[in-house]
Amino acid sequence: MPKSPLRKKEKAYIPEAIANATPVPTESPRWLAPTMVAAFIAGLIWIVIFYVSATQYPIPGIGAWNMIAGFGFIGAGFALATRWR
């Protein structure tokens, strides 16, 4: 059986801005991991204190909003975790 002819591929066009772009840094900033872990731990401690103190602390008077504050710290930790390389 005869061999079919091979097609020649055209070179892909790469725009000048992309071809000469600086590479993205491959490492995370040094402050990122400790800050992320601190936010996770702060949120966890905040929620534990809220439950152990029968909903009176860490900030008396705001009631269940203390849960929102604790989960806010944990959410900030997750937001920082998305930037970790």
N, C-alpha and C. Protein backbone atom coordinates (compact mmCIF):
# COMPACT_ATOMS: atom_id res chain seq x y z
N MET A 1 0.84 -1.16 0.00
CA MET A 1 0.00 0.00 0.00
C MET A 1 0.89 1.23 0.00
N PRO A 2 0.59 2.21 -0.86
CA PRO A 2 1.45 3.40 -0.93
C PRO A 2 1.30 4.27 0.31
N LYS A 3 2.38 4.92 0.66
CA LYS A 3 2.41 5.81 1.82
C LYS A 3 1.81 7.16 1.43
N SER A 4 0.95 7.68 2.29
CA SER A 4 0.33 8.97 1.99
C SER A 4 1.35 10.08 2.22
N PRO A 5 1.22 11.16 1.45
CA PRO A 5 2.18 12.25 1.60
C PRO A 5 2.03 12.95 2.96
N LEU A 6 3.14 13.38 3.52
CA LEU A 6 3.13 14.08 4.80
C LEU A 6 2.84 15.56 4.59
N ARG A 7 2.03 16.11 5.48
CA ARG A 7 1.75 17.54 5.40
C ARG A 7 2.78 18.31 6.21
N LYS A 8 3.17 19.43 5.71
CA LYS A 8 4.09 20.29 6.44
C LYS A 8 3.27 21.24 7.31
N LYS A 9 3.64 21.30 8.58
CA LYS A 9 2.93 22.17 9.51
C LYS A 9 3.55 23.55 9.49
N GLU A 10 2.68 24.55 9.55
CA GLU A 10 3.17 25.92 9.64
C GLU A 10 3.58 26.20 11.07
N LYS A 11 4.58 27.04 11.24
CA LYS A 11 4.99 27.42 12.58
C LYS A 11 3.89 28.24 13.23
N ALA A 12 3.67 27.98 14.51
CA ALA A 12 2.65 28.72 15.25
C ALA A 12 3.12 30.15 15.47
N TYR A 13 2.20 31.08 15.29
CA TYR A 13 2.52 32.49 15.50
C TYR A 13 2.43 32.80 16.98
N ILE A 14 3.50 33.30 17.54
CA ILE A 14 3.53 33.71 18.95
C ILE A 14 3.68 35.22 18.98
N PRO A 15 2.73 35.93 19.57
CA PRO A 15 2.84 37.39 19.63
C PRO A 15 4.12 37.82 20.35
N GLU A 16 4.63 38.96 19.94
CA GLU A 16 5.89 39.47 20.49
C GLU A 16 5.82 39.68 22.01
N ALA A 17 4.66 40.14 22.49
CA ALA A 17 4.52 40.41 23.93
C ALA A 17 4.63 39.11 24.74
N ILE A 18 4.13 38.02 24.18
CA ILE A 18 4.19 36.75 24.90
C ILE A 18 5.57 36.11 24.74
N ALA A 19 6.16 36.23 23.60
CA ALA A 19 7.46 35.60 23.35
C ALA A 19 8.55 36.20 24.23
N ASN A 20 8.48 37.49 24.52
CA ASN A 20 9.51 38.16 25.30
C ASN A 20 9.07 38.47 26.73
N ALA A 21 8.00 37.83 27.21
CA ALA A 21 7.50 38.10 28.55
C ALA A 21 8.44 37.52 29.60
N THR A 22 8.51 38.20 30.73
CA THR A 22 9.34 37.70 31.82
C THR A 22 8.64 36.53 32.49
N PRO A 23 9.36 35.52 32.91
CA PRO A 23 8.71 34.36 33.52
C PRO A 23 8.13 34.69 34.90
N VAL A 24 7.12 33.97 35.27
CA VAL A 24 6.47 34.14 36.56
C VAL A 24 7.40 33.57 37.64
N PRO A 25 7.51 34.23 38.78
CA PRO A 25 8.38 33.70 39.83
C PRO A 25 7.95 32.28 40.23
N THR A 26 8.93 31.42 40.47
CA THR A 26 8.62 30.03 40.77
C THR A 26 8.51 29.77 42.27
N GLU A 27 8.86 30.72 43.11
CA GLU A 27 8.79 30.53 44.55
C GLU A 27 7.83 31.52 45.18
N SER A 28 7.27 31.12 46.28
CA SER A 28 6.38 32.01 47.03
C SER A 28 7.21 32.99 47.85
N PRO A 29 6.63 34.14 48.20
CA PRO A 29 7.32 35.03 49.13
C PRO A 29 7.54 34.34 50.47
N ARG A 30 8.56 34.73 51.17
CA ARG A 30 8.91 34.06 52.43
C ARG A 30 7.86 34.27 53.51
N TRP A 31 7.10 35.35 53.44
CA TRP A 31 6.12 35.65 54.47
C TRP A 31 4.82 34.87 54.28
N LEU A 32 4.60 34.30 53.12
CA LEU A 32 3.30 33.73 52.79
C LEU A 32 2.93 32.52 53.64
N ALA A 33 3.80 31.54 53.74
CA ALA A 33 3.47 30.32 54.49
C ALA A 33 3.25 30.59 55.98
N PRO A 34 4.13 31.36 56.64
CA PRO A 34 3.85 31.62 58.06
C PRO A 34 2.56 32.41 58.29
N THR A 35 2.26 33.34 57.41
CA THR A 35 1.03 34.13 57.54
C THR A 35 -0.20 33.25 57.32
N MET A 36 -0.12 32.35 56.35
CA MET A 36 -1.22 31.45 56.06
C MET A 36 -1.49 30.53 57.25
N VAL A 37 -0.45 29.93 57.79
CA VAL A 37 -0.61 29.04 58.93
C VAL A 37 -1.11 29.81 60.15
N ALA A 38 -0.61 31.03 60.36
CA ALA A 38 -1.05 31.85 61.49
C ALA A 38 -2.54 32.18 61.36
N ALA A 39 -3.01 32.45 60.15
CA ALA A 39 -4.43 32.75 59.96
C ALA A 39 -5.29 31.52 60.26
N PHE A 40 -4.84 30.34 59.81
CA PHE A 40 -5.58 29.12 60.12
C PHE A 40 -5.66 28.89 61.63
N ILE A 41 -4.53 29.02 62.29
CA ILE A 41 -4.49 28.77 63.74
C ILE A 41 -5.28 29.81 64.50
N ALA A 42 -5.18 31.08 64.09
CA ALA A 42 -5.94 32.15 64.77
C ALA A 42 -7.44 31.90 64.64
N GLY A 43 -7.90 31.50 63.46
CA GLY A 43 -9.32 31.20 63.28
C GLY A 43 -9.76 30.03 64.11
N LEU A 44 -8.94 28.99 64.17
CA LEU A 44 -9.28 27.81 64.97
C LEU A 44 -9.34 28.16 66.45
N ILE A 45 -8.36 28.89 66.94
CA ILE A 45 -8.35 29.29 68.35
C ILE A 45 -9.54 30.19 68.67
N TRP A 46 -9.86 31.10 67.75
CA TRP A 46 -11.00 32.01 67.95
C TRP A 46 -12.29 31.22 68.14
N ILE A 47 -12.51 30.22 67.28
CA ILE A 47 -13.74 29.43 67.35
C ILE A 47 -13.74 28.55 68.60
N VAL A 48 -12.61 27.97 68.96
CA VAL A 48 -12.54 27.14 70.16
C VAL A 48 -12.83 27.97 71.40
N ILE A 49 -12.25 29.16 71.49
CA ILE A 49 -12.51 30.04 72.64
C ILE A 49 -13.99 30.41 72.70
N PHE A 50 -14.59 30.64 71.55
CA PHE A 50 -16.02 30.97 71.50
C PHE A 50 -16.87 29.84 72.08
N TYR A 51 -16.55 28.61 71.72
CA TYR A 51 -17.33 27.48 72.22
C TYR A 51 -17.03 27.17 73.68
N VAL A 52 -15.77 27.21 74.06
CA VAL A 52 -15.40 26.87 75.43
C VAL A 52 -15.95 27.89 76.43
N SER A 53 -16.02 29.14 76.04
CA SER A 53 -16.50 30.18 76.96
C SER A 53 -18.02 30.33 76.93
N ALA A 54 -18.71 29.37 76.37
CA ALA A 54 -20.19 29.40 76.29
C ALA A 54 -20.67 30.66 75.58
N THR A 55 -20.09 30.97 74.46
CA THR A 55 -20.44 32.07 73.55
C THR A 55 -20.26 33.46 74.17
N GLN A 56 -19.36 33.62 75.13
CA GLN A 56 -19.12 34.93 75.75
C GLN A 56 -17.89 35.64 75.21
N TYR A 57 -16.85 34.91 74.86
CA TYR A 57 -15.59 35.50 74.40
C TYR A 57 -15.29 35.01 73.00
N PRO A 58 -14.39 35.50 72.28
CA PRO A 58 -13.31 36.45 72.45
C PRO A 58 -13.79 37.91 72.50
N ILE A 59 -14.88 38.25 71.85
CA ILE A 59 -15.39 39.62 71.95
C ILE A 59 -16.79 39.53 72.56
N PRO A 60 -16.92 39.92 73.81
CA PRO A 60 -18.26 39.85 74.41
C PRO A 60 -19.18 40.88 73.77
N GLY A 61 -20.41 40.52 73.62
CA GLY A 61 -21.38 41.48 73.10
C GLY A 61 -21.74 41.30 71.64
N ILE A 62 -20.91 40.61 70.87
CA ILE A 62 -21.28 40.44 69.46
C ILE A 62 -21.88 39.07 69.21
N GLY A 63 -21.88 38.23 70.23
CA GLY A 63 -22.57 36.95 70.14
C GLY A 63 -22.02 36.03 69.06
N ALA A 64 -22.92 35.54 68.22
CA ALA A 64 -22.54 34.56 67.20
C ALA A 64 -21.67 35.16 66.09
N TRP A 65 -21.54 36.46 66.06
CA TRP A 65 -20.65 37.06 65.06
C TRP A 65 -19.19 36.66 65.30
N ASN A 66 -18.90 36.17 66.50
CA ASN A 66 -17.57 35.65 66.76
C ASN A 66 -17.25 34.47 65.83
N MET A 67 -18.27 33.68 65.48
CA MET A 67 -18.06 32.59 64.53
C MET A 67 -17.66 33.14 63.17
N ILE A 68 -18.30 34.21 62.76
CA ILE A 68 -17.97 34.82 61.47
C ILE A 68 -16.53 35.32 61.49
N ALA A 69 -16.12 35.91 62.60
CA ALA A 69 -14.74 36.39 62.72
C ALA A 69 -13.75 35.23 62.63
N GLY A 70 -14.04 34.13 63.33
CA GLY A 70 -13.16 32.96 63.27
C GLY A 70 -13.07 32.38 61.88
N PHE A 71 -14.22 32.23 61.23
CA PHE A 71 -14.20 31.72 59.86
C PHE A 71 -13.59 32.72 58.89
N GLY A 72 -13.62 34.00 59.23
CA GLY A 72 -12.94 35.00 58.40
C GLY A 72 -11.44 34.80 58.40
N PHE A 73 -10.89 34.51 59.59
CA PHE A 73 -9.46 34.20 59.65
C PHE A 73 -9.13 32.95 58.84
N ILE A 74 -9.97 31.92 58.97
CA ILE A 74 -9.73 30.69 58.22
C ILE A 74 -9.86 30.95 56.72
N GLY A 75 -10.83 31.76 56.32
CA GLY A 75 -10.98 32.11 54.91
C GLY A 75 -9.78 32.87 54.38
N ALA A 76 -9.23 33.75 55.21
CA ALA A 76 -8.02 34.48 54.80
C ALA A 76 -6.86 33.51 54.62
N GLY A 77 -6.79 32.49 55.47
CA GLY A 77 -5.75 31.47 55.32
C GLY A 77 -5.90 30.71 54.01
N PHE A 78 -7.14 30.37 53.65
CA PHE A 78 -7.36 29.69 52.37
C PHE A 78 -7.05 30.61 51.19
N ALA A 79 -7.38 31.88 51.31
CA ALA A 79 -7.06 32.82 50.23
C ALA A 79 -5.55 32.91 50.03
N LEU A 80 -4.80 32.91 51.11
CA LEU A 80 -3.34 32.92 50.99
C LEU A 80 -2.82 31.59 50.44
N ALA A 81 -3.49 30.50 50.76
CA ALA A 81 -3.05 29.19 50.28
C ALA A 81 -3.15 29.08 48.76
N THR A 82 -4.05 29.83 48.14
CA THR A 82 -4.16 29.77 46.69
C THR A 82 -2.97 30.43 46.00
N ARG A 83 -2.23 31.27 46.70
CA ARG A 83 -1.07 31.95 46.12
C ARG A 83 0.24 31.20 46.37
N TRP A 84 0.18 30.12 47.15
CA TRP A 84 1.39 29.38 47.51
C TRP A 84 1.83 28.51 46.35
N ARG A 85 3.12 28.60 46.00
CA ARG A 85 3.67 27.79 44.90
C ARG A 85 4.65 26.81 45.45
